[in-house]
Amino acid sequence: MFDRQTHRGFSITVTARDDVRGGSNVTLLVERIFSHRDDVRTGAPIAKPEHYHSLHPATAAAGEAMQRARRLIDEALGERDPLEGE
């Protein structure tokens, strides 16, 4: 299972594969999306993916990881401005 979405200026990439022992192996990567005018040399450090084992099958684990990433981004950025676009 592979899913990529954007949320509030971040790209979220999730891959999940069923594990023969049960559950699934999940990789989650969250990266800031830079505009063509941003100076990436002074930006955030290169993001490292998070790898973990989920008790859920791949489809459910990928959805759960995506929701978790979106929730963490919202918590870090605070309340969304009603005039802010995606």
PDB file of N, CA and C in Angstrom:
ATOM      1  N   MET A   1       0.854  -1.173   0.000  1.00  0.00           N
ATOM      2  CA  MET A   1       0.000   0.000   0.000  1.00  0.00           C
ATOM      3  C   MET A   1       0.894   1.228   0.000  1.00  0.00           C
ATOM      4  N   PHE A   2       0.627   2.150  -0.896  1.00  0.00           N
ATOM      5  CA  PHE A   2       1.385   3.394  -1.002  1.00  0.00           C
ATOM      6  C   PHE A   2       0.391   4.540  -1.064  1.00  0.00           C
ATOM      7  N   ASP A   3       0.643   5.577  -0.273  1.00  0.00           N
ATOM      8  CA  ASP A   3      -0.235   6.740  -0.293  1.00  0.00           C
ATOM      9  C   ASP A   3       0.610   7.994  -0.107  1.00  0.00           C
ATOM     10  N   ARG A   4       0.313   9.020  -0.886  1.00  0.00           N
ATOM     11  CA  ARG A   4       0.998  10.311  -0.753  1.00  0.00           C
ATOM     12  C   ARG A   4      -0.066  11.396  -0.784  1.00  0.00           C
ATOM     13  N   GLN A   5      -0.012  12.275   0.221  1.00  0.00           N
ATOM     14  CA  GLN A   5      -0.955  13.389   0.306  1.00  0.00           C
ATOM     15  C   GLN A   5      -0.204  14.637   0.739  1.00  0.00           C
ATOM     16  N   THR A   6      -0.814  15.790   0.518  1.00  0.00           N
ATOM     17  CA  THR A   6      -0.267  17.035   1.042  1.00  0.00           C
ATOM     18  C   THR A   6      -1.213  17.562   2.103  1.00  0.00           C
ATOM     19  N   HIS A   7      -0.626  18.243   3.081  1.00  0.00           N
ATOM     20  CA  HIS A   7      -1.428  18.810   4.159  1.00  0.00           C
ATOM     21  C   HIS A   7      -0.695  20.016   4.732  1.00  0.00           C
ATOM     22  N   ARG A   8      -1.273  21.195   4.566  1.00  0.00           N
ATOM     23  CA  ARG A   8      -0.769  22.441   5.149  1.00  0.00           C
ATOM     24  C   ARG A   8       0.708  22.690   4.853  1.00  0.00           C
ATOM     25  N   GLY A   9       1.102  22.448   3.610  1.00  0.00           N
ATOM     26  CA  GLY A   9       2.471  22.738   3.203  1.00  0.00           C
ATOM     27  C   GLY A   9       3.454  21.603   3.429  1.00  0.00           C
ATOM     28  N   PHE A  10       2.950  20.426   3.755  1.00  0.00           N
ATOM     29  CA  PHE A  10       3.796  19.256   3.964  1.00  0.00           C
ATOM     30  C   PHE A  10       3.363  18.127   3.033  1.00  0.00           C
ATOM     31  N   SER A  11       4.321  17.346   2.607  1.00  0.00           N
ATOM     32  CA  SER A  11       4.059  16.139   1.827  1.00  0.00           C
ATOM     33  C   SER A  11       4.173  14.956   2.780  1.00  0.00           C
ATOM     34  N   ILE A  12       3.145  14.120   2.805  1.00  0.00           N
ATOM     35  CA  ILE A  12       3.128  12.936   3.670  1.00  0.00           C
ATOM     36  C   ILE A  12       3.140  11.709   2.771  1.00  0.00           C
ATOM     37  N   THR A  13       4.129  10.846   2.960  1.00  0.00           N
ATOM     38  CA  THR A  13       4.241   9.620   2.179  1.00  0.00           C
ATOM     39  C   THR A  13       4.198   8.433   3.132  1.00  0.00           C
ATOM     40  N   VAL A  14       3.307   7.491   2.845  1.00  0.00           N
ATOM     41  CA  VAL A  14       3.165   6.289   3.671  1.00  0.00           C
ATOM     42  C   VAL A  14       3.267   5.063   2.778  1.00  0.00           C
ATOM     43  N   THR A  15       4.083   4.106   3.183  1.00  0.00           N
ATOM     44  CA  THR A  15       4.087   2.787   2.553  1.00  0.00           C
ATOM     45  C   THR A  15       3.847   1.766   3.652  1.00  0.00           C
ATOM     46  N   ALA A  16       3.061   0.757   3.342  1.00  0.00           N
ATOM     47  CA  ALA A  16       2.764  -0.299   4.307  1.00  0.00           C
ATOM     48  C   ALA A  16       2.691  -1.626   3.565  1.00  0.00           C
ATOM     49  N   ARG A  17       3.323  -2.626   4.152  1.00  0.00           N
ATOM     50  CA  ARG A  17       3.309  -3.972   3.563  1.00  0.00           C
ATOM     51  C   ARG A  17       2.922  -4.978   4.632  1.00  0.00           C
ATOM     52  N   ASP A  18       2.034  -5.889   4.248  1.00  0.00           N
ATOM     53  CA  ASP A  18       1.638  -6.938   5.181  1.00  0.00           C
ATOM     54  C   ASP A  18       2.851  -7.778   5.551  1.00  0.00           C
ATOM     55  N   ASP A  19       2.922  -8.142   6.820  1.00  0.00           N
ATOM     56  CA  ASP A  19       4.002  -8.978   7.339  1.00  0.00           C
ATOM     57  C   ASP A  19       3.466 -10.399   7.479  1.00  0.00           C
ATOM     58  N   VAL A  20       4.228 -11.381   7.046  1.00  0.00           N
ATOM     59  CA  VAL A  20       3.768 -12.774   7.116  1.00  0.00           C
ATOM     60  C   VAL A  20       3.549 -13.216   8.559  1.00  0.00           C
ATOM     61  N   ARG A  21       4.186 -12.557   9.514  1.00  0.00           N
ATOM     62  CA  ARG A  21       4.015 -12.892  10.936  1.00  0.00           C
ATOM     63  C   ARG A  21       2.790 -12.218  11.540  1.00  0.00           C
ATOM     64  N   GLY A  22       2.101 -11.401  10.729  1.00  0.00           N
ATOM     65  CA  GLY A  22       0.925 -10.676  11.212  1.00  0.00           C
ATOM     66  C   GLY A  22       1.188  -9.186  11.242  1.00  0.00           C
ATOM     67  N   GLY A  23       0.155  -8.425  11.086  1.00  0.00           N
ATOM     68  CA  GLY A  23       0.306  -6.979  11.067  1.00  0.00           C
ATOM     69  C   GLY A  23       0.964  -6.503   9.784  1.00  0.00           C
ATOM     70  N   SER A  24       1.662  -5.380   9.874  1.00  0.00           N
ATOM     71  CA  SER A  24       2.313  -4.828   8.686  1.00  0.00           C
ATOM     72  C   SER A  24       3.502  -3.964   9.087  1.00  0.00           C
ATOM     73  N   ASN A  25       4.397  -3.767   8.130  1.00  0.00           N
ATOM     74  CA  ASN A  25       5.544  -2.883   8.306  1.00  0.00           C
ATOM     75  C   ASN A  25       5.220  -1.565   7.619  1.00  0.00           C
ATOM     76  N   VAL A  26       5.402  -0.464   8.344  1.00  0.00           N
ATOM     77  CA  VAL A  26       4.996   0.855   7.873  1.00  0.00           C
ATOM     78  C   VAL A  26       6.208   1.781   7.801  1.00  0.00           C
ATOM     79  N   THR A  27       6.266   2.575   6.737  1.00  0.00           N
ATOM     80  CA  THR A  27       7.255   3.644   6.615  1.00  0.00           C
ATOM     81  C   THR A  27       6.492   4.942   6.405  1.00  0.00           C
ATOM     82  N   LEU A  28       6.811   5.939   7.235  1.00  0.00           N
ATOM     83  CA  LEU A  28       6.138   7.234   7.196  1.00  0.00           C
ATOM     84  C   LEU A  28       7.187   8.321   6.999  1.00  0.00           C
ATOM     85  N   LEU A  29       6.981   9.176   5.999  1.00  0.00           N
ATOM     86  CA  LEU A  29       7.898  10.281   5.725  1.00  0.00           C
ATOM     87  C   LEU A  29       7.092  11.567   5.584  1.00  0.00           C
ATOM     88  N   VAL A  30       7.455  12.578   6.370  1.00  0.00           N
ATOM     89  CA  VAL A  30       6.807  13.890   6.307  1.00  0.00           C
ATOM     90  C   VAL A  30       7.877  14.903   5.920  1.00  0.00           C
ATOM     91  N   GLU A  31       7.630  15.628   4.820  1.00  0.00           N
ATOM     92  CA  GLU A  31       8.595  16.609   4.328  1.00  0.00           C
ATOM     93  C   GLU A  31       7.904  17.936   4.060  1.00  0.00           C
ATOM     94  N   ARG A  32       8.608  19.013   4.338  1.00  0.00           N
ATOM     95  CA  ARG A  32       8.109  20.357   4.036  1.00  0.00           C
ATOM     96  C   ARG A  32       8.154  20.567   2.530  1.00  0.00           C
ATOM     97  N   ILE A  33       7.106  21.151   1.966  1.00  0.00           N
ATOM     98  CA  ILE A  33       7.076  21.471   0.541  1.00  0.00           C
ATOM     99  C   ILE A  33       7.603  22.896   0.388  1.00  0.00           C
ATOM    100  N   PHE A  34       8.671  23.044  -0.375  1.00  0.00           N
ATOM    101  CA  PHE A  34       9.250  24.362  -0.606  1.00  0.00           C
ATOM    102  C   PHE A  34       8.721  24.920  -1.923  1.00  0.00           C
ATOM    103  N   SER A  35       8.470  26.218  -1.938  1.00  0.00           N
ATOM    104  CA  SER A  35       8.090  26.843  -3.205  1.00  0.00           C
ATOM    105  C   SER A  35       9.357  27.096  -4.006  1.00  0.00           C
ATOM    106  N   HIS A  36       9.214  27.395  -5.265  1.00  0.00           N
ATOM    107  CA  HIS A  36      10.383  27.614  -6.114  1.00  0.00           C
ATOM    108  C   HIS A  36      11.190  28.839  -5.685  1.00  0.00           C
ATOM    109  N   ARG A  37      10.630  29.687  -4.853  1.00  0.00           N
ATOM    110  CA  ARG A  37      11.341  30.890  -4.388  1.00  0.00           C
ATOM    111  C   ARG A  37      12.072  30.668  -3.070  1.00  0.00           C
ATOM    112  N   ASP A  38      11.807  29.572  -2.376  1.00  0.00           N
ATOM    113  CA  ASP A  38      12.462  29.310  -1.097  1.00  0.00           C
ATOM    114  C   ASP A  38      13.931  28.968  -1.301  1.00  0.00           C
ATOM    115  N   ASP A  39      14.756  29.405  -0.376  1.00  0.00           N
ATOM    116  CA  ASP A  39      16.171  29.043  -0.386  1.00  0.00           C
ATOM    117  C   ASP A  39      16.307  27.764   0.427  1.00  0.00           C
ATOM    118  N   VAL A  40      16.403  26.629  -0.241  1.00  0.00           N
ATOM    119  CA  VAL A  40      16.429  25.342   0.450  1.00  0.00           C
ATOM    120  C   VAL A  40      17.742  25.109   1.187  1.00  0.00           C
ATOM    121  N   ARG A  41      18.769  25.902   0.905  1.00  0.00           N
ATOM    122  CA  ARG A  41      20.051  25.723   1.599  1.00  0.00           C
ATOM    123  C   ARG A  41      19.941  26.079   3.065  1.00  0.00           C
ATOM    124  N   THR A  42      19.012  26.961   3.422  1.00  0.00           N
ATOM    125  CA  THR A  42      18.871  27.371   4.815  1.00  0.00           C
ATOM    126  C   THR A  42      17.599  26.804   5.432  1.00  0.00           C
ATOM    127  N   GLY A  43      16.968  25.872   4.759  1.00  0.00           N
ATOM    128  CA  GLY A  43      15.718  25.296   5.240  1.00  0.00           C
ATOM    129  C   GLY A  43      15.932  24.232   6.303  1.00  0.00           C
ATOM    130  N   ALA A  44      14.897  23.484   6.544  1.00  0.00           N
ATOM    131  CA  ALA A  44      14.924  22.423   7.546  1.00  0.00           C
ATOM    132  C   ALA A  44      15.867  21.307   7.102  1.00  0.00           C
ATOM    133  N   PRO A  45      16.381  20.551   8.063  1.00  0.00           N
ATOM    134  CA  PRO A  45      17.238  19.420   7.692  1.00  0.00           C
ATOM    135  C   PRO A  45      16.452  18.371   6.909  1.00  0.00           C
ATOM    136  N   ILE A  46      17.163  17.514   6.219  1.00  0.00           N
ATOM    137  CA  ILE A  46      16.520  16.467   5.429  1.00  0.00           C
ATOM    138  C   ILE A  46      15.756  15.532   6.365  1.00  0.00           C
ATOM    139  N   ALA A  47      14.504  15.302   6.022  1.00  0.00           N
ATOM    140  CA  ALA A  47      13.652  14.448   6.855  1.00  0.00           C
ATOM    141  C   ALA A  47      14.080  12.990   6.747  1.00  0.00           C
ATOM    142  N   LYS A  48      13.963  12.273   7.860  1.00  0.00           N
ATOM    143  CA  LYS A  48      14.255  10.842   7.872  1.00  0.00           C
ATOM    144  C   LYS A  48      12.935  10.097   8.055  1.00  0.00           C
ATOM    145  N   PRO A  49      12.750   9.023   7.313  1.00  0.00           N
ATOM    146  CA  PRO A  49      11.495   8.275   7.454  1.00  0.00           C
ATOM    147  C   PRO A  49      11.435   7.535   8.788  1.00  0.00           C
ATOM    148  N   GLU A  50      10.231   7.335   9.254  1.00  0.00           N
ATOM    149  CA  GLU A  50       9.986   6.557  10.466  1.00  0.00           C
ATOM    150  C   GLU A  50       9.538   5.170  10.024  1.00  0.00           C
ATOM    151  N   HIS A  51      10.169   4.134  10.567  1.00  0.00           N
ATOM    152  CA  HIS A  51       9.812   2.750  10.258  1.00  0.00           C
ATOM    153  C   HIS A  51       9.273   2.105  11.537  1.00  0.00           C
ATOM    154  N   TYR A  52       8.144   1.411  11.421  1.00  0.00           N
ATOM    155  CA  TYR A  52       7.615   0.714  12.591  1.00  0.00           C
ATOM    156  C   TYR A  52       6.706  -0.429  12.155  1.00  0.00           C
ATOM    157  N   HIS A  53       6.368  -1.278  13.113  1.00  0.00           N
ATOM    158  CA  HIS A  53       5.479  -2.414  12.870  1.00  0.00           C
ATOM    159  C   HIS A  53       4.114  -2.085  13.462  1.00  0.00           C
ATOM    160  N   SER A  54       3.078  -2.301  12.679  1.00  0.00           N
ATOM    161  CA  SER A  54       1.711  -2.074  13.127  1.00  0.00           C
ATOM    162  C   SER A  54       1.013  -3.414  13.299  1.00  0.00           C
ATOM    163  N   LEU A  55       0.097  -3.470  14.231  1.00  0.00           N
ATOM    164  CA  LEU A  55      -0.683  -4.690  14.438  1.00  0.00           C
ATOM    165  C   LEU A  55      -1.795  -4.827  13.401  1.00  0.00           C
ATOM    166  N   HIS A  56      -2.058  -3.747  12.662  1.00  0.00           N
ATOM    167  CA  HIS A  56      -3.133  -3.731  11.668  1.00  0.00           C
ATOM    168  C   HIS A  56      -2.631  -4.191  10.300  1.00  0.00           C
ATOM    169  N   PRO A  57      -3.539  -4.693   9.441  1.00  0.00           N
ATOM    170  CA  PRO A  57      -3.146  -5.000   8.058  1.00  0.00           C
ATOM    171  C   PRO A  57      -2.722  -3.717   7.334  1.00  0.00           C
ATOM    172  N   ALA A  58      -2.028  -3.866   6.217  1.00  0.00           N
ATOM    173  CA  ALA A  58      -1.400  -2.738   5.522  1.00  0.00           C
ATOM    174  C   ALA A  58      -2.361  -1.599   5.208  1.00  0.00           C
ATOM    175  N   THR A  59      -3.538  -1.892   4.699  1.00  0.00           N
ATOM    176  CA  THR A  59      -4.474  -0.829   4.321  1.00  0.00           C
ATOM    177  C   THR A  59      -4.877   0.004   5.536  1.00  0.00           C
ATOM    178  N   ALA A  60      -5.228  -0.657   6.623  1.00  0.00           N
ATOM    179  CA  ALA A  60      -5.623   0.060   7.838  1.00  0.00           C
ATOM    180  C   ALA A  60      -4.436   0.790   8.457  1.00  0.00           C
ATOM    181  N   ALA A  61      -3.263   0.177   8.433  1.00  0.00           N
ATOM    182  CA  ALA A  61      -2.066   0.796   9.005  1.00  0.00           C
ATOM    183  C   ALA A  61      -1.679   2.051   8.239  1.00  0.00           C
ATOM    184  N   ALA A  62      -1.812   2.026   6.915  1.00  0.00           N
ATOM    185  CA  ALA A  62      -1.485   3.201   6.103  1.00  0.00           C
ATOM    186  C   ALA A  62      -2.443   4.349   6.414  1.00  0.00           C
ATOM    187  N   GLY A  63      -3.718   4.052   6.525  1.00  0.00           N
ATOM    188  CA  GLY A  63      -4.697   5.082   6.872  1.00  0.00           C
ATOM    189  C   GLY A  63      -4.448   5.670   8.247  1.00  0.00           C
ATOM    190  N   GLU A  64      -4.115   4.813   9.200  1.00  0.00           N
ATOM    191  CA  GLU A  64      -3.824   5.262  10.555  1.00  0.00           C
ATOM    192  C   GLU A  64      -2.577   6.157  10.579  1.00  0.00           C
ATOM    193  N   ALA A  65      -1.537   5.774   9.842  1.00  0.00           N
ATOM    194  CA  ALA A  65      -0.305   6.570   9.782  1.00  0.00           C
ATOM    195  C   ALA A  65      -0.571   7.936   9.153  1.00  0.00           C
ATOM    196  N   MET A  66      -1.372   7.968   8.102  1.00  0.00           N
ATOM    197  CA  MET A  66      -1.691   9.228   7.433  1.00  0.00           C
ATOM    198  C   MET A  66      -2.449  10.155   8.380  1.00  0.00           C
ATOM    199  N   GLN A  67      -3.432   9.630   9.084  1.00  0.00           N
ATOM    200  CA  GLN A  67      -4.198  10.445  10.029  1.00  0.00           C
ATOM    201  C   GLN A  67      -3.319  10.951  11.166  1.00  0.00           C
ATOM    202  N   ARG A  68      -2.421  10.101  11.655  1.00  0.00           N
ATOM    203  CA  ARG A  68      -1.507  10.500  12.727  1.00  0.00           C
ATOM    204  C   ARG A  68      -0.607  11.646  12.267  1.00  0.00           C
ATOM    205  N   ALA A  69      -0.073  11.545  11.051  1.00  0.00           N
ATOM    206  CA  ALA A  69       0.804  12.598  10.525  1.00  0.00           C
ATOM    207  C   ALA A  69       0.040  13.912  10.379  1.00  0.00           C
ATOM    208  N   ARG A  70      -1.170  13.851   9.845  1.00  0.00           N
ATOM    209  CA  ARG A  70      -1.983  15.061   9.682  1.00  0.00           C
ATOM    210  C   ARG A  70      -2.284  15.701  11.042  1.00  0.00           C
ATOM    211  N   ARG A  71      -2.587  14.885  12.035  1.00  0.00           N
ATOM    212  CA  ARG A  71      -2.881  15.382  13.380  1.00  0.00           C
ATOM    213  C   ARG A  71      -1.646  16.053  14.003  1.00  0.00           C
ATOM    214  N   LEU A  72      -0.459  15.436  13.830  1.00  0.00           N
ATOM    215  CA  LEU A  72       0.771  16.012  14.374  1.00  0.00           C
ATOM    216  C   LEU A  72       1.118  17.342  13.702  1.00  0.00           C
ATOM    217  N   ILE A  73       0.895  17.429  12.393  1.00  0.00           N
ATOM    218  CA  ILE A  73       1.126  18.693  11.679  1.00  0.00           C
ATOM    219  C   ILE A  73       0.187  19.767  12.217  1.00  0.00           C
ATOM    220  N   ASP A  74      -1.085  19.434  12.391  1.00  0.00           N
ATOM    221  CA  ASP A  74      -2.056  20.396  12.917  1.00  0.00           C
ATOM    222  C   ASP A  74      -1.682  20.852  14.323  1.00  0.00           C
ATOM    223  N   GLU A  75      -1.233  19.924  15.170  1.00  0.00           N
ATOM    224  CA  GLU A  75      -0.825  20.283  16.528  1.00  0.00           C
ATOM    225  C   GLU A  75       0.385  21.209  16.507  1.00  0.00           C
ATOM    226  N   ALA A  76       1.333  20.947  15.615  1.00  0.00           N
ATOM    227  CA  ALA A  76       2.550  21.757  15.542  1.00  0.00           C
ATOM    228  C   ALA A  76       2.273  23.160  15.000  1.00  0.00           C
ATOM    229  N   LEU A  77       1.356  23.281  14.041  1.00  0.00           N
ATOM    230  CA  LEU A  77       1.085  24.572  13.410  1.00  0.00           C
ATOM    231  C   LEU A  77       0.002  25.377  14.115  1.00  0.00           C
ATOM    232  N   GLY A  78      -0.755  24.746  14.979  1.00  0.00           N
ATOM    233  CA  GLY A  78      -1.828  25.449  15.669  1.00  0.00           C
ATOM    234  C   GLY A  78      -3.103  25.456  14.843  1.00  0.00           C
ATOM    235  N   GLU A  79      -4.063  26.237  15.327  1.00  0.00           N
ATOM    236  CA  GLU A  79      -5.355  26.299  14.641  1.00  0.00           C
ATOM    237  C   GLU A  79      -5.205  26.801  13.224  1.00  0.00           C
ATOM    238  N   ARG A  80      -5.986  26.230  12.360  1.00  0.00           N
ATOM    239  CA  ARG A  80      -5.948  26.599  10.944  1.00  0.00           C
ATOM    240  C   ARG A  80      -6.694  27.916  10.718  1.00  0.00           C
ATOM    241  N   ASP A  81      -6.081  28.800   9.954  1.00  0.00           N
ATOM    242  CA  ASP A  81      -6.708  30.059   9.566  1.00  0.00           C
ATOM    243  C   ASP A  81      -7.800  29.741   8.550  1.00  0.00           C
ATOM    244  N   PRO A  82      -9.034  30.218   8.759  1.00  0.00           N
ATOM    245  CA  PRO A  82     -10.111  29.896   7.815  1.00  0.00           C
ATOM    246  C   PRO A  82      -9.834  30.397   6.399  1.00  0.00           C
ATOM    247  N   LEU A  83      -8.947  31.369   6.241  1.00  0.00           N
ATOM    248  CA  LEU A  83      -8.619  31.892   4.917  1.00  0.00           C
ATOM    249  C   LEU A  83      -7.436  31.173   4.285  1.00  0.00           C
ATOM    250  N   GLU A  84      -6.791  30.294   5.054  1.00  0.00           N
ATOM    251  CA  GLU A  84      -5.628  29.555   4.545  1.00  0.00           C
ATOM    252  C   GLU A  84      -6.082  28.462   3.584  1.00  0.00           C
ATOM    253  N   GLY A  85      -5.422  28.352   2.460  1.00  0.00           N
ATOM    254  CA  GLY A  85      -5.723  27.288   1.502  1.00  0.00           C
ATOM    255  C   GLY A  85      -4.947  26.037   1.843  1.00  0.00           C
ATOM    256  N   GLU A  86      -5.152  24.971   1.095  1.00  0.00           N
ATOM    257  CA  GLU A  86      -4.421  23.710   1.286  1.00  0.00           C
ATOM    258  C   GLU A  86      -3.008  23.962   0.888  1.00  0.00           C
TER     259      GLU A  86
END
